[in-house]
Amino acid sequence: MFPFSRKEKPGYFSKEEQEKIVQAIQSAELKTSGEIRVFVEGKCRFVDAIDRAAEVFYGLKMNETIHKNATLVYVAMKHKQVAVFGDEGILKKTGTAFWQDNVKDMLQHFHKENYVTGICEVIEKIRNALEMHFPYEPGTDKNELPDEIVFGK
């Protein structure tokens, strides 16, 4: 069992910043059948953040979307680690360079302590890829995963 919480963690984001991130997710999902989630915790238990992102991705059952096009934005605030983990459907369409570039861009913002901007910009880039490869399907599309930020311990 994973220690997930939807409660705000002190010192991570203000209520307004959380709303901005959730709005970015919701706006992105209006244009695609893909799903985007953000997971934030203090410390990464693994050496490589992508391994932790994979654990969280499967723990949140993000691999169960119909088109295998869910994406997780993982952030460990105290350890200053990030990862972007996409399911097999979107990974096949974009290739690994897309994900590596997104992490580099996000880290540039994080080094300047522009966390919310970094997260929102990566959500926008993910939206663009998802929209290209998995466009919104009127009448059949449904929100398969919650849009709120998930906080770990």
Protein backbone atom coordinates (compact mmCIF):
# COMPACT_ATOMS: atom_id res chain seq x y z
CA MET A 1 0.00 0.00 0.00
CA PHE A 2 1.34 3.43 -0.93
CA PRO A 3 1.07 6.42 1.42
CA PHE A 4 -0.90 8.77 -0.86
CA SER A 5 -2.78 11.79 0.35
CA ARG A 6 -4.79 14.53 -1.28
CA LYS A 7 -4.14 16.97 1.54
CA GLU A 8 -1.89 19.95 1.00
CA LYS A 9 1.65 19.54 2.25
CA PRO A 10 2.99 22.59 4.07
CA GLY A 11 5.64 24.48 2.17
CA TYR A 12 5.06 22.86 -1.21
CA PHE A 13 2.39 24.97 -2.90
CA SER A 14 -0.12 27.59 -1.85
CA LYS A 15 -3.79 26.94 -2.49
CA GLU A 16 -3.62 29.26 -5.51
CA GLU A 17 -0.60 27.43 -6.90
CA GLN A 18 -2.34 24.08 -6.48
CA GLU A 19 -5.37 25.46 -8.32
CA LYS A 20 -3.14 26.67 -11.15
CA ILE A 21 -1.65 23.18 -11.57
CA VAL A 22 -5.07 21.50 -11.46
CA GLN A 23 -6.40 24.02 -14.00
CA ALA A 24 -3.46 23.20 -16.28
CA ILE A 25 -4.34 19.50 -16.06
CA GLN A 26 -8.03 20.12 -16.70
CA SER A 27 -7.33 22.45 -19.62
CA ALA A 28 -4.95 19.93 -21.15
CA GLU A 29 -7.43 17.09 -20.85
CA LEU A 30 -10.10 19.07 -22.71
CA LYS A 31 -8.10 18.61 -25.90
CA THR A 32 -7.07 14.98 -25.60
CA SER A 33 -8.29 11.56 -24.56
CA GLY A 34 -5.08 11.27 -22.52
CA GLU A 35 -4.80 11.58 -18.76
CA ILE A 36 -2.27 13.60 -16.78
CA ARG A 37 -1.55 13.39 -13.07
CA VAL A 38 0.90 15.21 -10.81
CA PHE A 39 2.42 13.46 -7.80
CA VAL A 40 4.43 15.45 -5.25
CA GLU A 41 6.32 14.18 -2.23
CA GLY A 42 9.23 15.32 -0.11
CA LYS A 43 11.83 12.65 -0.67
CA CYS A 44 12.44 10.12 -3.41
CA ARG A 45 13.06 6.64 -2.01
CA PHE A 46 15.05 5.56 -5.06
CA VAL A 47 18.30 6.73 -6.59
CA ASP A 48 16.57 7.28 -9.92
CA ALA A 49 13.36 9.31 -9.84
CA ILE A 50 12.02 7.47 -12.89
CA ASP A 51 11.92 4.26 -10.84
CA ARG A 52 9.84 5.99 -8.17
CA ALA A 53 7.64 7.56 -10.84
CA ALA A 54 7.00 4.10 -12.29
CA GLU A 55 6.09 2.76 -8.84
CA VAL A 56 3.67 5.64 -8.27
CA PHE A 57 2.25 5.33 -11.80
CA TYR A 58 1.32 1.69 -11.27
CA GLY A 59 0.28 2.30 -7.66
CA LEU A 60 -2.23 4.89 -8.86
CA LYS A 61 -3.40 2.40 -11.54
CA MET A 62 -2.62 4.88 -14.28
CA ASN A 63 -1.77 1.96 -16.57
CA GLU A 64 -5.46 1.05 -16.71
CA THR A 65 -6.55 3.82 -19.08
CA ILE A 66 -8.28 2.64 -22.24
CA HIS A 67 -5.68 3.97 -24.70
CA LYS A 68 -2.61 3.47 -22.48
CA ASN A 69 -1.95 7.21 -22.75
CA ALA A 70 -1.69 8.38 -19.15
CA THR A 71 1.26 10.48 -18.03
CA LEU A 72 2.60 11.12 -14.54
CA VAL A 73 4.60 14.20 -13.58
CA TYR A 74 6.61 13.18 -10.50
CA VAL A 75 8.25 15.69 -8.15
CA ALA A 76 10.30 15.05 -4.99
CA MET A 77 10.59 18.54 -3.48
CA LYS A 78 13.25 18.06 -0.79
CA HIS A 79 15.43 15.83 -2.95
CA LYS A 80 14.87 18.10 -5.95
CA GLN A 81 14.17 15.19 -8.27
CA VAL A 82 11.66 15.06 -11.11
CA ALA A 83 10.50 12.54 -13.67
CA VAL A 84 7.86 12.32 -16.35
CA PHE A 85 6.50 8.82 -16.89
CA GLY A 86 4.22 7.96 -19.80
CA ASP A 87 2.30 4.77 -20.44
CA GLU A 88 3.20 2.55 -23.37
CA GLY A 89 0.69 4.10 -25.80
CA ILE A 90 2.08 7.63 -25.60
CA LEU A 91 5.67 6.44 -25.20
CA LYS A 92 5.47 4.57 -28.52
CA LYS A 93 4.25 7.72 -30.26
CA THR A 94 6.76 10.19 -28.79
CA GLY A 95 9.98 8.29 -28.09
CA THR A 96 12.26 8.70 -25.09
CA ALA A 97 13.88 11.99 -26.19
CA PHE A 98 10.53 13.76 -25.70
CA TRP A 99 10.41 12.71 -22.05
CA GLN A 100 14.06 13.52 -21.39
CA ASP A 101 13.65 17.00 -22.91
CA ASN A 102 10.61 17.65 -20.71
CA VAL A 103 12.55 16.73 -17.59
CA LYS A 104 15.42 19.04 -18.61
CA ASP A 105 13.01 21.92 -19.20
CA MET A 106 11.27 21.33 -15.89
CA LEU A 107 14.58 21.21 -14.03
CA GLN A 108 15.60 24.58 -15.50
CA HIS A 109 12.54 26.11 -13.83
CA PHE A 110 13.11 24.18 -10.63
CA HIS A 111 16.70 25.45 -10.32
CA LYS A 112 15.19 28.95 -10.23
CA GLU A 113 12.54 27.75 -7.72
CA ASN A 114 9.80 28.28 -10.33
CA TYR A 115 8.14 24.98 -9.46
CA VAL A 116 4.59 25.76 -10.54
CA THR A 117 5.74 27.26 -13.84
CA GLY A 118 7.88 24.20 -14.53
CA ILE A 119 5.03 21.81 -13.78
CA CYS A 120 2.48 23.79 -15.79
CA GLU A 121 4.80 24.08 -18.79
CA VAL A 122 5.51 20.36 -18.83
CA ILE A 123 1.76 19.70 -18.62
CA GLU A 124 1.30 21.93 -21.68
CA LYS A 125 3.99 20.03 -23.63
CA ILE A 126 2.42 16.72 -22.66
CA ARG A 127 -0.96 18.08 -23.77
CA ASN A 128 0.48 18.97 -27.17
CA ALA A 129 1.83 15.44 -27.66
CA LEU A 130 -1.34 13.80 -26.40
CA GLU A 131 -3.53 16.05 -28.55
CA MET A 132 -1.50 15.14 -31.65
CA HIS A 133 -1.54 11.39 -31.03
CA PHE A 134 -4.68 10.96 -28.90
CA PRO A 135 -7.12 13.76 -29.75
CA TYR A 136 -10.26 14.40 -27.74
CA GLU A 137 -13.10 12.09 -28.75
CA PRO A 138 -16.44 13.92 -28.42
CA GLY A 139 -19.21 11.72 -27.13
CA THR A 140 -16.97 8.86 -26.02
CA ASP A 141 -14.21 10.51 -24.01
CA LYS A 142 -14.43 10.40 -20.24
CA ASN A 143 -12.15 11.56 -17.47
CA GLU A 144 -10.62 8.26 -16.38
CA LEU A 145 -8.42 9.61 -13.56
CA PRO A 146 -8.85 12.39 -10.99
CA ASP A 147 -7.24 15.73 -11.85
CA GLU A 148 -6.11 16.86 -8.41
CA ILE A 149 -2.50 16.75 -7.26
CA VAL A 150 -1.60 13.65 -5.30
CA PHE A 151 0.73 14.21 -2.34
CA GLY A 152 2.95 11.46 -0.99
CA LYS A 153 4.63 11.49 2.38
